[in-house]
Amino acid sequence: MKQFSSSLLAALLLGAGSSAALAQGTVNVGAVLSLTGASATIGEDVRRGIMLGVDQVNAKGGVLGKKFNVLVEDSGGNATTALNAARKLVGVDKVPVVMGEYSSSITLPVGQYLVKEGVTHLNINSSSIKLKDLGPTSFGLLGLENYANSFSASDTYALGYRKVAVIAPNNAYGQGVLQGYKEAFEKLGGKVVTEVLYAAGQSTYRRELEQMSRSSPDAFVYTAYGQEAAVINREAHDLGLRKTPWYAILLSMCVSDTPPEIANGQLGMELGSVQGPAGKAYAEAFAAKYKEGFKTAYTGYGYDAVLMTAAAMEKAKSVDAAAIQAALKEIGQSYAGVTGVISFDANRQRLNPPYDRLKYENGKIAQR
């Protein structure tokens, strides 16, 4: 025990979870990701970013002199499965921090449970505005939909679209996007002529697409999870609707499972991907480790969450959840991540998040 300072030892005695984590010689935290289901491609991309962050932390000596590890659980894209995974991480593995999930409709109940347990929750991929009300132990590393809706409305208006048809998933995320985008777009002078909320997991979306086409919009605006977006894109192509422009809110999510020949030509916006020299170094390290580049903009947020967690533990000199939360508030005044500078507002949500104007051409997402 000589390697522990008295303050560290005292901190370790504050919680059974903390003691368990260090007693095993490894500092464990948790993550709940969609590794199977409609958003599996995105979940695996984020998992890779997280594990690259773990490599980085351990290459610099780990955390508090211990090996650092992230226990990753698969949500299957299902809220009940995700909640059970979070309960296992907290009740069995005794982790002080849990990252995830991806879909806002899943992140909300998971976050509510973690806050109730006093465990630190890091939202690394969801954007519903409702997340800001989760409670004092939840932190958001990406911009919520109020920022994204204003950005996408301004971008589509600047592209010259004045009448648009919008489709989004019928859940907390999709409802927020449709309502927020419509308000922002119509404030600029545009008109949402058709609005559709689709049910998840359908084998076909032809009925919804035909409903949208009847309003003869200037453009179709959509947001959908990977495999559901693939069905929507294929059927829009088959119905001849791609003669009209398609604009994707969160483009990398929308085309992650769509064949390139069908996705080609789409415009869209996205969470800001990696930024500056640190982002470039991250992209190079990702490609070196996995022999290919990342497929979505979400991966860097998982990496930043790992590095911020390790930094908070070092600053707190503790793996106690409350001590980590206090340290995150200090670090989150201006943290230089690979996704840019992360600064939290009073609700612990990211201020001034970055977004990109993108296009899909020649099988790749590129800047416009």
Protein backbone atom coordinates (compact mmCIF):
# COMPACT_ATOMS: atom_id res chain seq x y z
CA MET A 1 0.00 0.00 0.00
CA LYS A 2 3.02 2.32 0.10
CA GLN A 3 2.32 3.61 -3.37
CA PHE A 4 -0.93 5.28 -2.22
CA SER A 5 -0.92 8.68 -0.59
CA SER A 6 -3.04 9.11 2.51
CA SER A 7 -5.51 11.30 0.58
CA LEU A 8 -5.85 8.70 -2.15
CA LEU A 9 -6.34 5.93 0.36
CA ALA A 10 -9.04 7.95 2.10
CA ALA A 11 -10.75 8.60 -1.21
CA LEU A 12 -10.71 4.92 -2.06
CA LEU A 13 -12.49 4.12 1.17
CA LEU A 14 -15.42 6.39 0.28
CA GLY A 15 -17.22 3.89 -1.89
CA ALA A 16 -17.41 0.15 -2.28
CA GLY A 17 -17.42 0.54 -6.06
CA SER A 18 -14.23 2.51 -6.00
CA SER A 19 -12.52 0.02 -3.74
CA ALA A 20 -13.56 -2.89 -5.93
CA ALA A 21 -12.20 -1.21 -9.04
CA LEU A 22 -8.72 -0.71 -7.59
CA ALA A 23 -8.59 -3.89 -5.55
CA GLN A 24 -8.46 -5.84 -8.78
CA GLY A 25 -5.45 -3.85 -9.99
CA THR A 26 -7.45 -2.31 -12.82
CA VAL A 27 -9.53 0.84 -12.94
CA ASN A 28 -12.70 -0.10 -14.77
CA VAL A 29 -15.33 2.18 -16.25
CA GLY A 30 -18.27 1.13 -18.44
CA ALA A 31 -19.84 1.81 -21.81
CA VAL A 32 -23.21 0.77 -23.27
CA LEU A 33 -23.13 0.78 -27.07
CA SER A 34 -25.25 -0.45 -29.97
CA LEU A 35 -22.95 -3.22 -31.20
CA THR A 36 -25.84 -5.09 -32.82
CA GLY A 37 -29.11 -3.84 -34.26
CA ALA A 38 -29.93 -0.95 -36.57
CA SER A 39 -26.99 1.21 -35.43
CA ALA A 40 -24.35 -1.53 -35.16
CA THR A 41 -21.98 0.10 -37.65
CA ILE A 42 -21.94 3.29 -35.60
CA GLY A 43 -21.62 1.40 -32.32
CA GLU A 44 -18.58 -0.50 -33.53
CA ASP A 45 -17.02 2.72 -34.80
CA VAL A 46 -17.47 4.29 -31.36
CA ARG A 47 -16.16 1.18 -29.60
CA ARG A 48 -13.00 1.41 -31.66
CA GLY A 49 -12.54 5.05 -30.64
CA ILE A 50 -13.03 4.15 -27.00
CA MET A 51 -10.50 1.34 -27.11
CA LEU A 52 -7.99 3.58 -28.89
CA GLY A 53 -8.42 5.96 -25.97
CA VAL A 54 -7.78 3.12 -23.53
CA ASP A 55 -4.54 2.32 -25.39
CA GLN A 56 -3.52 5.96 -25.15
CA VAL A 57 -4.18 6.16 -21.41
CA ASN A 58 -2.31 2.94 -20.66
CA ALA A 59 0.61 3.95 -22.88
CA LYS A 60 1.06 6.91 -20.54
CA GLY A 61 0.98 4.81 -17.37
CA GLY A 62 -2.73 4.16 -16.86
CA VAL A 63 -4.77 5.87 -14.14
CA LEU A 64 -3.56 6.34 -10.59
CA GLY A 65 -0.79 3.87 -11.32
CA LYS A 66 -3.25 1.20 -12.41
CA LYS A 67 -4.21 -0.27 -15.76
CA PHE A 68 -7.24 1.49 -17.22
CA ASN A 69 -10.06 -0.45 -18.87
CA VAL A 70 -13.52 0.14 -20.36
CA LEU A 71 -16.06 -2.68 -19.97
CA VAL A 72 -18.25 -2.50 -23.09
CA GLU A 73 -21.79 -3.87 -23.05
CA ASP A 74 -24.02 -4.31 -26.12
CA SER A 75 -27.43 -2.61 -25.97
CA GLY A 76 -28.64 -4.30 -29.15
CA GLY A 77 -30.30 -0.97 -29.91
CA ASN A 78 -32.94 -1.83 -27.31
CA ALA A 79 -33.81 0.28 -24.26
CA THR A 80 -34.52 -2.67 -21.94
CA THR A 81 -31.30 -4.43 -22.89
CA ALA A 82 -29.37 -1.19 -22.45
CA LEU A 83 -30.86 -0.59 -19.02
CA ASN A 84 -30.00 -4.13 -17.93
CA ALA A 85 -26.45 -3.61 -19.19
CA ALA A 86 -26.14 -0.41 -17.17
CA ARG A 87 -27.46 -2.20 -14.06
CA LYS A 88 -24.85 -4.91 -14.53
CA LEU A 89 -22.04 -2.37 -14.90
CA VAL A 90 -23.13 -0.52 -11.74
CA GLY A 91 -24.35 -3.43 -9.59
CA VAL A 92 -21.85 -6.13 -10.49
CA ASP A 93 -18.81 -4.38 -11.93
CA LYS A 94 -19.10 -1.37 -9.56
CA VAL A 95 -17.94 1.15 -12.16
CA PRO A 96 -18.02 4.87 -11.24
CA VAL A 97 -18.52 6.06 -14.86
CA VAL A 98 -20.71 4.80 -17.74
CA MET A 99 -20.64 6.16 -21.32
CA GLY A 100 -23.45 5.81 -23.85
CA GLU A 101 -25.85 4.98 -25.40
CA TYR A 102 -26.45 6.13 -28.99
CA SER A 103 -30.18 6.64 -29.56
CA SER A 104 -31.67 9.37 -27.35
CA SER A 105 -34.69 7.17 -26.58
CA ILE A 106 -32.25 4.65 -25.04
CA THR A 107 -29.82 7.13 -23.53
CA LEU A 108 -32.60 8.85 -21.57
CA PRO A 109 -33.65 5.84 -19.41
CA VAL A 110 -30.05 4.70 -19.03
CA GLY A 111 -29.01 8.18 -17.93
CA GLN A 112 -31.94 8.46 -15.51
CA TYR A 113 -30.88 5.20 -13.87
CA LEU A 114 -27.23 6.24 -13.61
CA VAL A 115 -28.10 9.62 -12.10
CA LYS A 116 -30.37 7.91 -9.57
CA GLU A 117 -27.44 5.70 -8.56
CA GLY A 118 -25.05 8.65 -8.35
CA VAL A 119 -22.88 7.18 -11.12
CA THR A 120 -21.22 9.51 -13.62
CA HIS A 121 -22.97 9.41 -17.00
CA LEU A 122 -21.16 10.60 -20.13
CA ASN A 123 -23.42 11.16 -23.13
CA ILE A 124 -21.16 10.65 -26.13
CA ASN A 125 -23.61 10.27 -29.04
CA SER A 126 -27.20 11.40 -28.27
CA SER A 127 -28.67 14.83 -28.93
CA SER A 128 -32.21 15.09 -27.53
CA ILE A 129 -32.72 18.37 -25.68
CA LYS A 130 -34.30 16.32 -22.87
CA LEU A 131 -30.83 15.06 -21.93
CA LYS A 132 -29.95 18.37 -20.31
CA ASP A 133 -32.51 17.64 -17.60
CA LEU A 134 -31.14 14.22 -16.61
CA GLY A 135 -29.54 15.49 -13.43
CA PRO A 136 -26.28 16.50 -11.73
CA THR A 137 -24.17 13.44 -12.53
CA SER A 138 -24.79 13.48 -16.31
CA PHE A 139 -22.43 15.24 -18.75
CA GLY A 140 -22.85 15.79 -22.50
CA LEU A 141 -19.80 15.84 -24.77
CA LEU A 142 -21.67 16.75 -27.96
CA GLY A 143 -24.11 19.46 -28.94
CA LEU A 144 -27.80 18.87 -28.30
CA GLU A 145 -30.47 19.22 -30.97
CA ASN A 146 -31.15 22.90 -30.36
CA TYR A 147 -27.75 23.63 -31.92
CA ALA A 148 -28.11 21.00 -34.67
CA ASN A 149 -31.62 22.06 -35.70
CA SER A 150 -30.62 25.70 -36.15
CA PHE A 151 -27.55 24.66 -38.12
CA SER A 152 -29.40 22.29 -40.49
CA ALA A 153 -32.28 24.75 -41.02
CA SER A 154 -29.87 27.55 -41.94
CA ASP A 155 -27.89 25.22 -44.19
CA THR A 156 -30.90 23.94 -46.15
CA TYR A 157 -32.28 27.46 -46.51
CA ALA A 158 -28.89 28.65 -47.80
CA LEU A 159 -28.97 25.83 -50.38
CA GLY A 160 -32.08 27.45 -51.84
CA TYR A 161 -34.71 25.02 -50.58
CA ARG A 162 -37.97 26.71 -49.63
CA LYS A 163 -40.45 23.78 -49.48
CA VAL A 164 -39.16 20.60 -47.85
CA ALA A 165 -40.64 17.26 -46.77
CA VAL A 166 -39.15 15.87 -43.55
CA ILE A 167 -38.99 12.31 -42.22
CA ALA A 168 -37.51 11.29 -38.85
CA PRO A 169 -37.83 8.36 -36.41
CA ASN A 170 -40.77 8.44 -34.02
CA ASN A 171 -38.79 8.67 -30.78
CA ALA A 172 -37.35 11.39 -28.53
CA TYR A 173 -34.60 12.21 -31.01
CA GLY A 174 -36.76 12.25 -34.14
CA GLN A 175 -39.60 14.23 -32.55
CA GLY A 176 -37.12 16.83 -31.33
CA VAL A 177 -35.47 17.12 -34.73
CA LEU A 178 -38.73 17.48 -36.62
CA GLN A 179 -40.17 20.09 -34.25
CA GLY A 180 -36.94 22.06 -33.84
CA TYR A 181 -35.99 21.97 -37.52
CA LYS A 182 -39.47 23.06 -38.59
CA GLU A 183 -39.47 26.01 -36.18
CA ALA A 184 -36.02 27.17 -37.28
CA PHE A 185 -36.64 26.64 -41.03
CA GLU A 186 -40.00 28.40 -41.08
CA LYS A 187 -38.60 31.29 -39.03
CA LEU A 188 -36.18 31.82 -41.93
CA GLY A 189 -39.08 31.91 -44.41
CA GLY A 190 -39.17 28.28 -45.56
CA LYS A 191 -42.08 25.83 -45.30
CA VAL A 192 -42.18 22.21 -44.16
CA VAL A 193 -44.85 20.88 -46.50
CA THR A 194 -44.92 17.29 -45.19
CA GLU A 195 -43.73 15.89 -41.88
CA VAL A 196 -43.51 12.16 -41.19
CA LEU A 197 -42.43 10.26 -38.08
CA TYR A 198 -41.64 6.65 -39.01
CA ALA A 199 -41.87 3.57 -36.81
CA ALA A 200 -38.53 1.84 -36.22
CA GLY A 201 -37.71 -1.56 -37.65
CA GLN A 202 -40.14 -1.64 -40.58
CA SER A 203 -39.24 -3.78 -43.59
CA THR A 204 -40.49 -1.06 -45.95
CA TYR A 205 -41.07 2.71 -45.84
CA ARG A 206 -42.75 3.07 -49.26
CA ARG A 207 -46.01 4.36 -47.80
CA GLU A 208 -44.20 7.15 -45.94
CA LEU A 209 -42.09 8.04 -48.98
CA GLU A 210 -45.11 8.20 -51.29
CA GLN A 211 -46.84 10.46 -48.75
CA MET A 212 -43.85 12.82 -48.80
CA SER A 213 -43.60 12.87 -52.60
CA ARG A 214 -47.19 14.03 -53.03
CA SER A 215 -46.30 17.49 -51.68
CA SER A 216 -43.70 18.01 -54.49
CA PRO A 217 -41.00 19.45 -52.18
CA ASP A 218 -37.84 21.26 -53.30
CA ALA A 219 -35.90 18.73 -51.20
CA PHE A 220 -36.36 15.76 -48.91
CA VAL A 221 -34.83 16.27 -45.46
CA TYR A 222 -34.33 13.14 -43.39
CA THR A 223 -32.61 11.64 -40.40
CA ALA A 224 -32.60 7.89 -39.75
CA TYR A 225 -30.52 5.18 -38.10
CA GLY A 226 -28.08 3.23 -40.28
CA GLN A 227 -30.03 0.17 -41.38
CA GLU A 228 -33.40 1.96 -41.42
CA ALA A 229 -31.83 4.73 -43.50
CA ALA A 230 -30.55 2.07 -45.91
CA VAL A 231 -34.13 0.89 -46.52
CA ILE A 232 -35.38 4.47 -46.94
CA ASN A 233 -32.57 5.34 -49.36
CA ARG A 234 -33.02 2.19 -51.45
CA GLU A 235 -36.78 2.63 -51.72
CA ALA A 236 -36.48 6.36 -52.49
CA HIS A 237 -34.11 5.38 -55.29
CA ASP A 238 -36.51 2.71 -56.59
CA LEU A 239 -39.44 5.16 -56.49
CA GLY A 240 -37.51 7.74 -58.52
CA LEU A 241 -37.44 10.25 -55.65
CA ARG A 242 -33.69 10.83 -55.90
CA LYS A 243 -34.30 13.20 -58.82
CA THR A 244 -35.15 15.67 -56.04
CA PRO A 245 -32.28 16.65 -53.67
CA TRP A 246 -31.90 14.68 -50.43
CA TYR A 247 -30.43 16.33 -47.35
CA ALA A 248 -29.39 14.22 -44.36
CA ILE A 249 -29.32 15.50 -40.80
CA LEU A 250 -26.34 13.57 -39.38
CA LEU A 251 -25.10 12.36 -42.75
CA SER A 252 -22.66 9.71 -41.55
CA MET A 253 -25.42 8.00 -39.56
CA CYS A 254 -27.80 8.15 -42.53
CA VAL A 255 -25.42 6.61 -45.09
CA SER A 256 -23.39 4.26 -42.86
CA ASP A 257 -25.24 1.16 -44.17
CA THR A 258 -26.37 2.47 -47.58
CA PRO A 259 -24.57 1.26 -50.73
CA PRO A 260 -22.39 4.06 -52.18
CA GLU A 261 -24.13 4.03 -55.56
CA ILE A 262 -27.42 4.86 -53.82
CA ALA A 263 -26.05 7.37 -51.31
CA ASN A 264 -24.04 9.23 -53.95
CA GLY A 265 -24.99 12.89 -54.36
CA GLN A 266 -26.63 13.41 -50.98
CA LEU A 267 -25.89 16.58 -49.04
CA GLY A 268 -26.07 16.93 -45.30
CA MET A 269 -24.66 18.08 -42.01
CA GLU A 270 -22.94 16.29 -39.20
CA LEU A 271 -21.59 16.66 -35.74
CA GLY A 272 -18.16 18.15 -36.12
CA SER A 273 -15.75 15.30 -36.61
CA VAL A 274 -12.18 15.45 -35.40
CA GLN A 275 -10.66 18.93 -35.37
CA GLY A 276 -7.18 20.45 -35.74
CA PRO A 277 -3.79 18.79 -35.19
CA ALA A 278 -5.10 16.61 -32.34
CA GLY A 279 -7.93 15.37 -34.55
CA LYS A 280 -5.52 14.65 -37.40
CA ALA A 281 -3.27 12.66 -35.07
CA TYR A 282 -6.30 10.72 -33.81
CA ALA A 283 -7.41 9.90 -37.37
CA GLU A 284 -3.92 8.64 -38.21
CA ALA A 285 -3.74 6.52 -35.05
CA PHE A 286 -7.21 5.08 -35.77
CA ALA A 287 -6.20 4.12 -39.31
CA ALA A 288 -2.95 2.57 -38.09
CA LYS A 289 -4.68 0.45 -35.46
CA TYR A 290 -7.70 -0.69 -37.48
CA LYS A 291 -6.24 -0.62 -41.02
CA GLU A 292 -9.05 1.68 -42.17
CA GLY A 293 -10.43 5.08 -41.31
CA PHE A 294 -13.44 5.66 -39.10
CA LYS A 295 -16.87 5.56 -40.74
CA THR A 296 -18.79 8.11 -38.69
CA ALA A 297 -18.26 11.39 -36.84
CA TYR A 298 -19.17 9.80 -33.50
CA THR A 299 -15.99 7.87 -32.85
CA GLY A 300 -13.95 10.87 -31.66
CA TYR A 301 -16.52 11.62 -28.94
CA GLY A 302 -15.93 8.16 -27.43
CA TYR A 303 -12.19 8.77 -27.49
CA ASP A 304 -12.57 12.18 -25.85
CA ALA A 305 -14.80 10.65 -23.14
CA VAL A 306 -12.11 8.14 -22.24
CA LEU A 307 -9.35 10.74 -22.06
CA MET A 308 -11.53 13.14 -20.04
CA THR A 309 -12.47 10.38 -17.60
CA ALA A 310 -8.84 9.41 -17.05
CA ALA A 311 -7.86 13.06 -16.61
CA ALA A 312 -10.69 13.58 -14.10
CA MET A 313 -9.60 10.56 -12.07
CA GLU A 314 -6.03 11.82 -11.99
CA LYS A 315 -7.16 15.31 -10.99
CA ALA A 316 -9.43 13.94 -8.26
CA LYS A 317 -6.81 11.38 -7.21
CA SER A 318 -9.78 9.09 -6.81
CA VAL A 319 -12.14 6.74 -8.62
CA ASP A 320 -15.05 7.82 -6.44
CA ALA A 321 -17.95 8.90 -8.67
CA ALA A 322 -18.64 12.18 -6.86
CA ALA A 323 -14.97 13.15 -6.92
CA ILE A 324 -14.82 12.40 -10.67
CA GLN A 325 -17.88 14.58 -11.30
CA ALA A 326 -16.32 17.50 -9.43
CA ALA A 327 -13.13 17.12 -11.44
CA LEU A 328 -15.06 16.89 -14.73
CA LYS A 329 -16.71 20.23 -14.02
CA GLU A 330 -13.27 21.83 -13.63
CA ILE A 331 -11.74 20.07 -16.63
CA GLY A 332 -14.85 20.84 -18.68
CA GLN A 333 -14.29 24.60 -18.48
CA SER A 334 -11.98 24.20 -21.49
CA TYR A 335 -10.79 20.72 -22.44
CA ALA A 336 -8.81 20.29 -25.66
CA GLY A 337 -10.21 17.13 -27.24
CA VAL A 338 -9.87 15.60 -30.68
CA THR A 339 -13.42 16.89 -31.40
CA GLY A 340 -12.36 20.43 -30.48
CA VAL A 341 -12.56 22.42 -27.27
CA ILE A 342 -15.11 20.94 -24.86
CA SER A 343 -16.69 23.46 -22.48
CA PHE A 344 -19.74 22.65 -20.35
CA ASP A 345 -22.63 24.99 -19.60
CA ALA A 346 -24.47 25.16 -16.26
CA ASN A 347 -26.34 21.95 -17.19
CA ARG A 348 -23.05 20.18 -17.97
CA GLN A 349 -23.78 20.20 -21.71
CA ARG A 350 -21.30 21.14 -24.40
CA LEU A 351 -21.26 24.78 -25.47
CA ASN A 352 -20.69 25.92 -29.07
CA PRO A 353 -20.40 22.42 -30.57
CA PRO A 354 -18.84 22.05 -34.02
CA TYR A 355 -20.83 20.99 -37.09
CA ASP A 356 -19.76 20.24 -40.65
CA ARG A 357 -21.43 20.88 -44.05
CA LEU A 358 -20.93 17.67 -45.98
CA LYS A 359 -21.63 15.83 -49.22
CA TYR A 360 -21.41 12.19 -50.23
CA GLU A 361 -19.61 11.55 -53.49
CA ASN A 362 -17.42 8.84 -54.97
CA GLY A 363 -18.18 6.54 -52.07
CA LYS A 364 -16.98 8.95 -49.40
CA ILE A 365 -18.21 11.73 -47.15
CA ALA A 366 -16.45 15.00 -47.93
CA GLN A 367 -16.60 18.62 -46.86
CA ARG A 368 -18.64 20.99 -49.01
